[in-house]
Amino acid sequence: MWTVFAVTVAAMLAADLLVFHKEAHEVTRREALAWSVVWVAVSLLFCGGVYVAAGGGKAVAFLTGYLIEKSLSVDNLFVILLIFGYFGVPARQQHRVLFWGILGAVVMRALFIFAGLALIRSLHWVIYLFGAFLIFTGVKMFFAPGEARVDPRRNPVLRLMRRVLPVTREFQGQRFFVRRRGVGGKGARWIATPLFAALVAVETTDLIFAVDSIPAVLAVSTDPFVVFTSNIFAILGLRALYFLLAGVMTSIRFLRPALAAILTFLGFKMALEGHFEIPVGLSLAAVFGVLALAGLLSWVFPGTRTGGGLDKGGEPPHN
């Protein structure tokens, strides 16, 4: 199944980058819907393969982890939308930033997941710390007035990048770097573009969100295969999901309370480890039920998500 997973992901990414999105273009809602359906279908087919190879318990754990990561990622997409607005990333270049951003996220998630599993196996009491962290995060998210303000100028990674690399004032097509010569044609050096600055901001944002999502999936299963594959399948479909939901994300007004409830529930599940076992099937039903209720309430009581915002008090970091 590890081989099937690796071949499936590699083939999908190759088709995405080298065939369907070889040339930069603005992704339409229809194209995004088609790709979203494809990624969900492939994930469900893989879940079926897990069922055949490892049984229903593993398949339910995979589906639960997939659903948790997918739902948490929608909140991440809202922040990415603000980042693209801050840097003024052209619509035709956004797919390129998301593609490489998600590839970087795959590497970071792998490190986080296997480090977390190693900690739990060597120091089992760490699972209670993860549980307490999820409860704290869930309660904080529920009572927070809205999404944190996004101000890339205060991003420490971006500030460090600016000290090392100059940044052009204009976008240079789909290139992350350009080579420029100094006065008199001497001293050629590489200069980053605003597209690369946006990529750095997206990567650091995903790093922050991984701190919440990885413990949440570990609350469902500690099987490395289940945790890693469900997480990766969920985030690989984020590009299509972003273009599909970009125009309506702000109207999903009950998403954050739903995510807060899910994180709190999973936190208690980890904290009760060894004392009271919550079946994986019940966890799947709870996660799906909370998300369905949030979607229904957002439809019945439409509105705009409160809080969050983009600090407009400055220009993108150019040199």
Protein backbone atom coordinates (compact mmCIF):
# COMPACT_ATOMS: atom_id res chain seq x y z
CA MET A 1 0.00 0.00 0.00
CA TRP A 2 2.95 2.35 0.56
CA THR A 3 3.98 1.66 -3.05
CA VAL A 4 0.42 2.25 -4.31
CA PHE A 5 0.31 5.51 -2.37
CA ALA A 6 3.66 6.75 -3.75
CA VAL A 7 2.84 5.83 -7.35
CA THR A 8 -0.65 7.39 -7.16
CA VAL A 9 0.58 10.68 -5.71
CA ALA A 10 3.53 10.92 -8.12
CA ALA A 11 1.30 10.22 -11.14
CA MET A 12 -1.34 12.75 -10.06
CA LEU A 13 1.23 15.48 -9.42
CA ALA A 14 3.00 14.81 -12.72
CA ALA A 15 -0.28 15.02 -14.62
CA ASP A 16 -1.24 18.19 -12.80
CA LEU A 17 2.06 20.06 -13.30
CA LEU A 18 3.33 18.68 -16.63
CA VAL A 19 0.08 18.20 -18.54
CA PHE A 20 -2.93 20.16 -17.31
CA HIS A 21 -1.12 23.17 -15.82
CA LYS A 22 2.06 23.26 -17.87
CA GLU A 23 1.24 26.79 -18.99
CA ALA A 24 0.21 29.42 -16.44
CA HIS A 25 -3.46 30.32 -16.68
CA GLU A 26 -6.32 31.49 -14.52
CA VAL A 27 -8.08 28.48 -13.01
CA THR A 28 -11.82 28.67 -13.60
CA ARG A 29 -14.47 27.55 -11.12
CA ARG A 30 -15.46 24.72 -13.47
CA GLU A 31 -11.88 23.45 -13.75
CA ALA A 32 -11.45 23.66 -9.98
CA LEU A 33 -14.65 21.69 -9.45
CA ALA A 34 -13.47 18.98 -11.84
CA TRP A 35 -10.10 18.66 -10.10
CA SER A 36 -11.75 18.68 -6.66
CA VAL A 37 -13.97 15.79 -7.71
CA VAL A 38 -10.95 13.93 -9.10
CA TRP A 39 -8.90 14.34 -5.90
CA VAL A 40 -11.79 13.31 -3.65
CA ALA A 41 -12.54 10.31 -5.89
CA VAL A 42 -8.89 9.19 -5.85
CA SER A 43 -8.80 9.58 -2.05
CA LEU A 44 -11.95 7.50 -1.62
CA LEU A 45 -10.63 4.83 -4.00
CA PHE A 46 -7.45 4.69 -1.95
CA CYS A 47 -9.58 4.40 1.19
CA GLY A 48 -11.28 1.42 -0.45
CA GLY A 49 -7.85 -0.07 -1.07
CA VAL A 50 -7.00 0.39 2.61
CA TYR A 51 -10.24 -1.40 3.50
CA VAL A 52 -9.34 -4.37 1.29
CA ALA A 53 -5.71 -4.54 2.42
CA ALA A 54 -5.98 -3.67 6.13
CA GLY A 55 -9.62 -3.93 7.15
CA GLY A 56 -12.48 -1.63 8.08
CA GLY A 57 -10.83 -0.16 11.18
CA LYS A 58 -7.91 1.27 9.22
CA ALA A 59 -10.21 2.50 6.45
CA VAL A 60 -12.45 4.36 8.92
CA ALA A 61 -9.38 5.87 10.60
CA PHE A 62 -8.08 6.99 7.20
CA LEU A 63 -11.41 8.59 6.29
CA THR A 64 -11.66 10.33 9.67
CA GLY A 65 -8.13 11.73 9.42
CA TYR A 66 -8.79 12.82 5.84
CA LEU A 67 -11.99 14.64 6.84
CA ILE A 68 -10.32 16.36 9.81
CA GLU A 69 -7.38 17.61 7.76
CA LYS A 70 -9.63 18.71 4.91
CA SER A 71 -11.88 20.73 7.22
CA LEU A 72 -8.98 22.36 9.05
CA SER A 73 -7.43 23.25 5.71
CA VAL A 74 -10.43 25.35 4.69
CA ASP A 75 -9.52 27.80 7.47
CA ASN A 76 -5.97 27.80 6.13
CA LEU A 77 -7.30 28.63 2.65
CA PHE A 78 -8.93 31.76 4.03
CA VAL A 79 -5.53 33.01 5.21
CA ILE A 80 -3.95 32.12 1.85
CA LEU A 81 -6.65 34.19 0.16
CA LEU A 82 -5.60 37.16 2.27
CA ILE A 83 -1.91 36.58 1.50
CA PHE A 84 -2.59 36.57 -2.25
CA GLY A 85 -4.56 39.78 -1.84
CA TYR A 86 -1.75 41.42 0.12
CA PHE A 87 0.92 40.62 -2.47
CA GLY A 88 -1.43 41.16 -5.40
CA VAL A 89 -0.59 37.76 -6.91
CA PRO A 90 -2.12 37.58 -10.42
CA ALA A 91 -4.85 34.94 -10.76
CA ARG A 92 -2.89 33.10 -13.47
CA GLN A 93 0.12 32.67 -11.12
CA GLN A 94 -1.73 31.57 -7.99
CA HIS A 95 -1.80 27.90 -9.00
CA ARG A 96 2.01 27.84 -9.28
CA VAL A 97 2.43 29.26 -5.77
CA LEU A 98 -0.06 26.76 -4.33
CA PHE A 99 1.55 23.83 -6.18
CA TRP A 100 5.03 24.43 -4.80
CA GLY A 101 3.62 25.54 -1.46
CA ILE A 102 1.80 22.25 -1.04
CA LEU A 103 4.87 20.25 -2.07
CA GLY A 104 6.75 22.02 0.71
CA ALA A 105 3.85 21.28 3.05
CA VAL A 106 4.16 17.55 2.23
CA VAL A 107 7.77 17.56 3.42
CA MET A 108 6.93 19.52 6.58
CA ARG A 109 3.96 17.28 7.38
CA ALA A 110 6.14 14.19 7.00
CA LEU A 111 8.65 15.58 9.50
CA PHE A 112 5.90 16.62 11.94
CA ILE A 113 4.00 13.34 11.71
CA PHE A 114 6.92 10.98 12.17
CA ALA A 115 8.44 13.16 14.91
CA GLY A 116 5.10 13.16 16.74
CA LEU A 117 4.73 9.39 16.39
CA ALA A 118 8.28 8.86 17.63
CA LEU A 119 7.55 11.01 20.69
CA ILE A 120 4.35 9.12 21.49
CA ARG A 121 6.06 5.75 21.17
CA SER A 122 9.08 6.67 23.28
CA LEU A 123 7.27 8.92 25.77
CA HIS A 124 3.63 7.84 25.87
CA TRP A 125 2.66 10.62 28.28
CA VAL A 126 3.24 13.10 25.44
CA ILE A 127 -0.15 12.07 24.09
CA TYR A 128 -1.75 13.80 27.09
CA LEU A 129 0.17 16.98 26.28
CA PHE A 130 -1.14 16.80 22.72
CA GLY A 131 -4.64 16.35 24.09
CA ALA A 132 -4.31 19.36 26.40
CA PHE A 133 -2.93 21.43 23.52
CA LEU A 134 -5.90 20.55 21.30
CA ILE A 135 -8.37 21.42 24.05
CA PHE A 136 -6.63 24.75 24.61
CA THR A 137 -6.58 25.48 20.87
CA GLY A 138 -10.23 24.54 20.46
CA VAL A 139 -11.40 26.71 23.36
CA LYS A 140 -9.24 29.61 22.18
CA MET A 141 -10.61 29.30 18.63
CA PHE A 142 -14.20 29.20 19.87
CA PHE A 143 -13.91 32.37 21.95
CA ALA A 144 -11.64 34.25 19.54
CA PRO A 145 -13.48 37.07 17.75
CA GLY A 146 -12.26 35.84 14.37
CA GLU A 147 -9.21 34.93 12.33
CA ALA A 148 -5.93 36.46 13.31
CA ARG A 149 -4.93 39.49 11.30
CA VAL A 150 -2.56 38.73 8.47
CA ASP A 151 0.36 41.09 8.10
CA PRO A 152 3.20 39.53 6.06
CA ARG A 153 5.47 42.47 7.01
CA ARG A 154 5.64 40.97 10.52
CA ASN A 155 6.40 37.47 9.27
CA PRO A 156 9.87 36.71 10.73
CA VAL A 157 10.77 34.34 7.87
CA LEU A 158 9.91 37.00 5.28
CA ARG A 159 11.88 39.61 7.18
CA LEU A 160 14.90 37.28 7.24
CA MET A 161 14.48 36.60 3.53
CA ARG A 162 14.52 40.33 2.78
CA ARG A 163 17.86 40.66 4.56
CA VAL A 164 19.37 37.89 2.46
CA LEU A 165 17.65 38.47 -0.88
CA PRO A 166 16.52 41.66 -2.58
CA VAL A 167 12.98 41.52 -3.98
CA THR A 168 11.89 43.01 -7.28
CA ARG A 169 9.03 45.47 -7.29
CA GLU A 170 7.19 43.82 -10.19
CA PHE A 171 6.17 40.24 -10.90
CA GLN A 172 8.31 38.46 -13.49
CA GLY A 173 5.75 36.10 -15.00
CA GLN A 174 5.76 32.77 -13.19
CA ARG A 175 9.40 33.00 -12.12
CA PHE A 176 10.40 32.99 -8.46
CA PHE A 177 13.89 34.39 -9.17
CA VAL A 178 15.48 36.54 -11.86
CA ARG A 179 19.14 37.24 -12.55
CA ARG A 180 20.04 40.93 -12.74
CA ARG A 181 23.34 42.64 -13.48
CA GLY A 182 24.61 45.60 -11.56
CA VAL A 183 25.79 48.96 -12.88
CA GLY A 184 27.92 48.57 -15.99
CA GLY A 185 26.79 44.98 -16.53
CA LYS A 186 28.89 43.65 -13.66
CA GLY A 187 28.08 41.81 -10.48
CA ALA A 188 25.14 39.71 -11.67
CA ARG A 189 23.06 38.34 -8.81
CA TRP A 190 19.84 36.48 -8.19
CA ILE A 191 16.86 38.56 -7.08
CA ALA A 192 13.63 37.15 -5.67
CA THR A 193 10.27 38.20 -7.08
CA PRO A 194 7.06 39.00 -5.14
CA LEU A 195 5.83 35.56 -6.26
CA PHE A 196 8.58 33.94 -4.17
CA ALA A 197 7.73 36.20 -1.21
CA ALA A 198 4.11 35.01 -1.46
CA LEU A 199 5.32 31.40 -1.55
CA VAL A 200 7.36 31.92 1.63
CA ALA A 201 4.32 33.43 3.35
CA VAL A 202 2.15 30.48 2.29
CA GLU A 203 4.74 27.96 3.53
CA THR A 204 5.07 29.58 6.94
CA THR A 205 1.29 29.75 7.24
CA ASP A 206 1.01 26.02 6.58
CA LEU A 207 3.71 25.39 9.17
CA ILE A 208 1.58 27.17 11.78
CA PHE A 209 -1.57 25.27 10.81
CA ALA A 210 0.29 21.94 10.92
CA VAL A 211 0.87 22.47 14.64
CA ASP A 212 -2.92 22.09 15.12
CA SER A 213 -3.75 19.56 12.42
CA ILE A 214 -1.08 16.92 13.11
CA PRO A 215 -2.04 16.34 16.80
CA ALA A 216 -5.69 16.28 15.68
CA VAL A 217 -5.03 13.40 13.26
CA LEU A 218 -2.84 11.62 15.84
CA ALA A 219 -5.89 11.64 18.12
CA VAL A 220 -7.61 9.36 15.59
CA SER A 221 -4.77 6.92 14.90
CA THR A 222 -1.08 6.42 15.63
CA ASP A 223 -0.55 4.16 12.63
CA PRO A 224 2.12 5.93 10.50
CA PHE A 225 0.54 4.76 7.24
CA VAL A 226 -2.97 5.95 8.13
CA VAL A 227 -1.84 9.29 9.55
CA PHE A 228 0.55 10.17 6.74
CA THR A 229 -1.51 9.06 3.75
CA SER A 230 -4.77 10.63 4.98
CA ASN A 231 -2.96 13.90 5.69
CA ILE A 232 -1.20 14.02 2.33
CA PHE A 233 -4.29 13.14 0.28
CA ALA A 234 -6.19 15.91 2.07
CA ILE A 235 -3.64 18.66 1.44
CA LEU A 236 -2.87 17.63 -2.16
CA GLY A 237 -6.42 18.55 -3.13
CA LEU A 238 -6.19 22.00 -1.55
CA ARG A 239 -5.23 23.84 -4.73
CA ALA A 240 -8.43 22.87 -6.50
CA LEU A 241 -10.43 23.47 -3.32
CA TYR A 242 -8.96 26.96 -3.02
CA PHE A 243 -10.06 28.01 -6.52
CA LEU A 244 -13.45 26.39 -5.95
CA LEU A 245 -14.13 28.13 -2.63
CA ALA A 246 -12.22 31.41 -3.08
CA GLY A 247 -15.40 33.35 -3.74
CA VAL A 248 -17.49 31.85 -0.94
CA MET A 249 -15.05 31.13 1.91
CA THR A 250 -16.01 34.28 3.79
CA SER A 251 -19.65 33.16 3.86
CA ILE A 252 -18.95 29.90 5.73
CA ARG A 253 -19.60 31.76 8.96
CA PHE A 254 -19.94 28.74 11.28
CA LEU A 255 -16.74 27.01 10.19
CA ARG A 256 -14.56 28.23 13.04
CA PRO A 257 -16.97 27.19 15.82
CA ALA A 258 -17.22 23.78 14.13
CA LEU A 259 -13.43 23.43 13.97
CA ALA A 260 -13.19 24.54 17.61
CA ALA A 261 -15.67 21.83 18.62
CA ILE A 262 -13.77 19.17 16.61
CA LEU A 263 -10.38 20.11 18.09
CA THR A 264 -11.82 20.13 21.62
CA PHE A 265 -13.47 16.73 21.09
CA LEU A 266 -10.22 15.23 19.74
CA GLY A 267 -8.30 16.78 22.63
CA PHE A 268 -10.52 15.02 25.16
CA LYS A 269 -10.18 11.81 23.14
CA MET A 270 -6.39 11.98 23.55
CA ALA A 271 -6.57 13.09 27.18
CA LEU A 272 -8.78 10.08 28.02
CA GLU A 273 -6.38 7.66 26.32
CA GLY A 274 -6.04 4.55 28.44
CA HIS A 275 -9.04 5.41 30.62
CA PHE A 276 -11.95 5.65 28.18
CA GLU A 277 -11.72 4.51 24.58
CA ILE A 278 -13.76 6.42 21.99
CA PRO A 279 -14.26 4.20 18.88
CA VAL A 280 -12.89 5.54 15.62
CA GLY A 281 -16.31 5.12 14.03
CA LEU A 282 -17.81 7.43 16.65
CA SER A 283 -15.05 9.96 15.97
CA LEU A 284 -15.86 9.88 12.25
CA ALA A 285 -19.58 10.35 12.95
CA ALA A 286 -18.86 13.26 15.32
CA VAL A 287 -16.53 15.06 12.88
CA PHE A 288 -18.88 14.58 9.94
CA GLY A 289 -21.92 15.60 11.98
CA VAL A 290 -20.34 18.81 13.27
CA LEU A 291 -19.17 19.83 9.79
CA ALA A 292 -22.57 19.03 8.26
CA LEU A 293 -24.29 21.11 10.96
CA ALA A 294 -21.90 24.02 10.34
CA GLY A 295 -22.62 23.88 6.62
CA LEU A 296 -26.38 23.74 7.21
CA LEU A 297 -26.33 26.67 9.64
CA SER A 298 -24.15 28.71 7.26
CA TRP A 299 -26.71 28.07 4.52
CA VAL A 300 -29.76 28.83 6.68
CA PHE A 301 -28.17 31.90 8.31
CA PRO A 302 -25.93 33.36 5.59
CA GLY A 303 -23.49 36.06 6.50
CA THR A 304 -19.85 37.04 6.48
CA ARG A 305 -17.27 35.62 8.82
CA THR A 306 -16.30 38.19 11.40
CA GLY A 307 -12.78 39.10 12.39
CA GLY A 308 -9.71 38.52 10.32
CA GLY A 309 -8.36 41.03 7.96
CA LEU A 310 -5.42 42.25 6.11
CA ASP A 311 -3.32 45.04 7.38
CA LYS A 312 -3.38 47.53 4.53
CA GLY A 313 -1.02 49.93 6.21
CA GLY A 314 1.88 49.26 3.92
CA GLU A 315 3.12 47.90 0.65
CA PRO A 316 4.43 44.39 0.00
CA PRO A 317 8.10 43.95 0.98
CA HIS A 318 10.07 45.25 -2.00
CA ASN A 319 13.63 46.46 -2.18
